[in-house]
Amino acid sequence: MKVVLHLVCYGKERGEAEREKIVFNMTCNGTLLTDAAVDFLNDNNVNVMVRMDRPPVVQNVNCPYKNIPEFTLSFALQNHVRDA
């Protein structure tokens, strides 16, 4: 999320300097969407699309979160993704 934070801040700064409106869109798998990250994205009008490449049962077995096997896409969606 550090890169996203940096890019959004930089983009807003450049947009203001050039008097241009910047629209931010992001596609992710949801695993890094903590409450703080969601707040930042909402506060900065970043449109987020959470992708799921496979049905949850397959996704969770084949794509576990690195170093935290129980942190699956289903876990991320239940605990970190909320309505804006």
Protein backbone atom coordinates (compact mmCIF):
# COMPACT_ATOMS: atom_id res chain seq x y z
CA MET A 1 0.00 0.00 0.00
CA LYS A 2 2.99 2.32 0.36
CA VAL A 3 3.30 2.58 -3.41
CA VAL A 4 -0.42 3.31 -3.81
CA LEU A 5 -0.26 5.99 -1.11
CA HIS A 6 2.73 7.62 -2.80
CA LEU A 7 1.18 7.50 -6.28
CA VAL A 8 -2.15 8.93 -5.14
CA CYS A 9 -0.47 11.78 -3.27
CA TYR A 10 1.83 12.50 -6.21
CA GLY A 11 -1.03 12.32 -8.71
CA LYS A 12 -3.17 14.71 -6.67
CA GLU A 13 -0.26 17.12 -6.35
CA ARG A 14 0.47 17.05 -10.09
CA GLY A 15 -3.21 17.29 -10.96
CA GLU A 16 -3.60 20.40 -8.83
CA ALA A 17 -0.48 21.95 -10.33
CA GLU A 18 -1.76 21.33 -13.87
CA ARG A 19 -5.38 22.14 -12.97
CA GLU A 20 -6.42 18.68 -14.08
CA LYS A 21 -8.70 16.24 -12.32
CA ILE A 22 -7.04 12.88 -11.80
CA VAL A 23 -9.23 9.77 -11.50
CA PHE A 24 -7.70 6.85 -9.63
CA ASN A 25 -8.73 3.24 -10.26
CA MET A 26 -7.18 0.21 -8.64
CA THR A 27 -7.63 -3.53 -9.08
CA CYS A 28 -6.43 -5.76 -6.26
CA ASN A 29 -7.06 -9.11 -4.64
CA GLY A 30 -8.24 -7.55 -1.37
CA THR A 31 -5.57 -8.96 0.92
CA LEU A 32 -4.01 -5.57 1.74
CA LEU A 33 -7.28 -3.73 2.27
CA THR A 34 -7.07 -2.99 5.97
CA ASP A 35 -9.44 -0.50 7.56
CA ALA A 36 -6.75 2.19 7.32
CA ALA A 37 -6.16 1.41 3.63
CA VAL A 38 -9.91 1.51 2.88
CA ASP A 39 -10.19 4.86 4.70
CA PHE A 40 -7.31 6.30 2.66
CA LEU A 41 -8.78 5.03 -0.61
CA ASN A 42 -12.23 6.40 0.25
CA ASP A 43 -10.84 9.75 1.41
CA ASN A 44 -8.97 10.11 -1.87
CA ASN A 45 -11.79 8.90 -4.15
CA VAL A 46 -9.87 5.87 -5.38
CA ASN A 47 -12.17 3.44 -7.19
CA VAL A 48 -11.32 -0.12 -6.15
CA MET A 49 -12.21 -3.34 -7.90
CA VAL A 50 -11.51 -6.51 -5.92
CA ARG A 51 -10.74 -9.35 -8.29
CA MET A 52 -11.29 -13.01 -7.75
CA ASP A 53 -9.71 -15.24 -10.35
CA ARG A 54 -11.43 -18.44 -9.33
CA PRO A 55 -14.33 -19.63 -7.15
CA PRO A 56 -13.49 -18.97 -3.46
CA VAL A 57 -12.79 -22.61 -2.60
CA VAL A 58 -10.20 -22.84 -5.41
CA GLN A 59 -8.84 -19.30 -4.88
CA ASN A 60 -8.21 -19.90 -1.18
CA VAL A 61 -6.38 -23.18 -1.75
CA ASN A 62 -4.28 -22.04 -4.71
CA CYS A 63 -3.60 -18.42 -3.74
CA PRO A 64 -3.06 -18.19 0.01
CA TYR A 65 -1.59 -14.98 1.39
CA LYS A 66 2.19 -15.24 1.55
CA ASN A 67 3.45 -16.22 5.02
CA ILE A 68 -0.10 -16.28 6.44
CA PRO A 69 -1.89 -19.31 4.93
CA GLU A 70 -5.14 -18.64 6.79
CA PHE A 71 -5.32 -15.12 5.31
CA THR A 72 -7.28 -16.03 2.20
CA LEU A 73 -9.40 -13.95 -0.13
CA SER A 74 -12.51 -14.99 1.80
CA PHE A 75 -10.90 -13.76 5.02
CA ALA A 76 -9.96 -10.46 3.38
CA LEU A 77 -13.47 -9.92 2.06
CA GLN A 78 -15.09 -10.74 5.40
CA ASN A 79 -12.79 -8.64 7.54
CA HIS A 80 -11.36 -5.80 5.50
CA VAL A 81 -13.67 -4.89 2.65
CA ARG A 82 -16.64 -2.73 3.51
CA ASP A 83 -19.04 -0.39 1.78
CA ALA A 84 -17.79 3.12 1.14
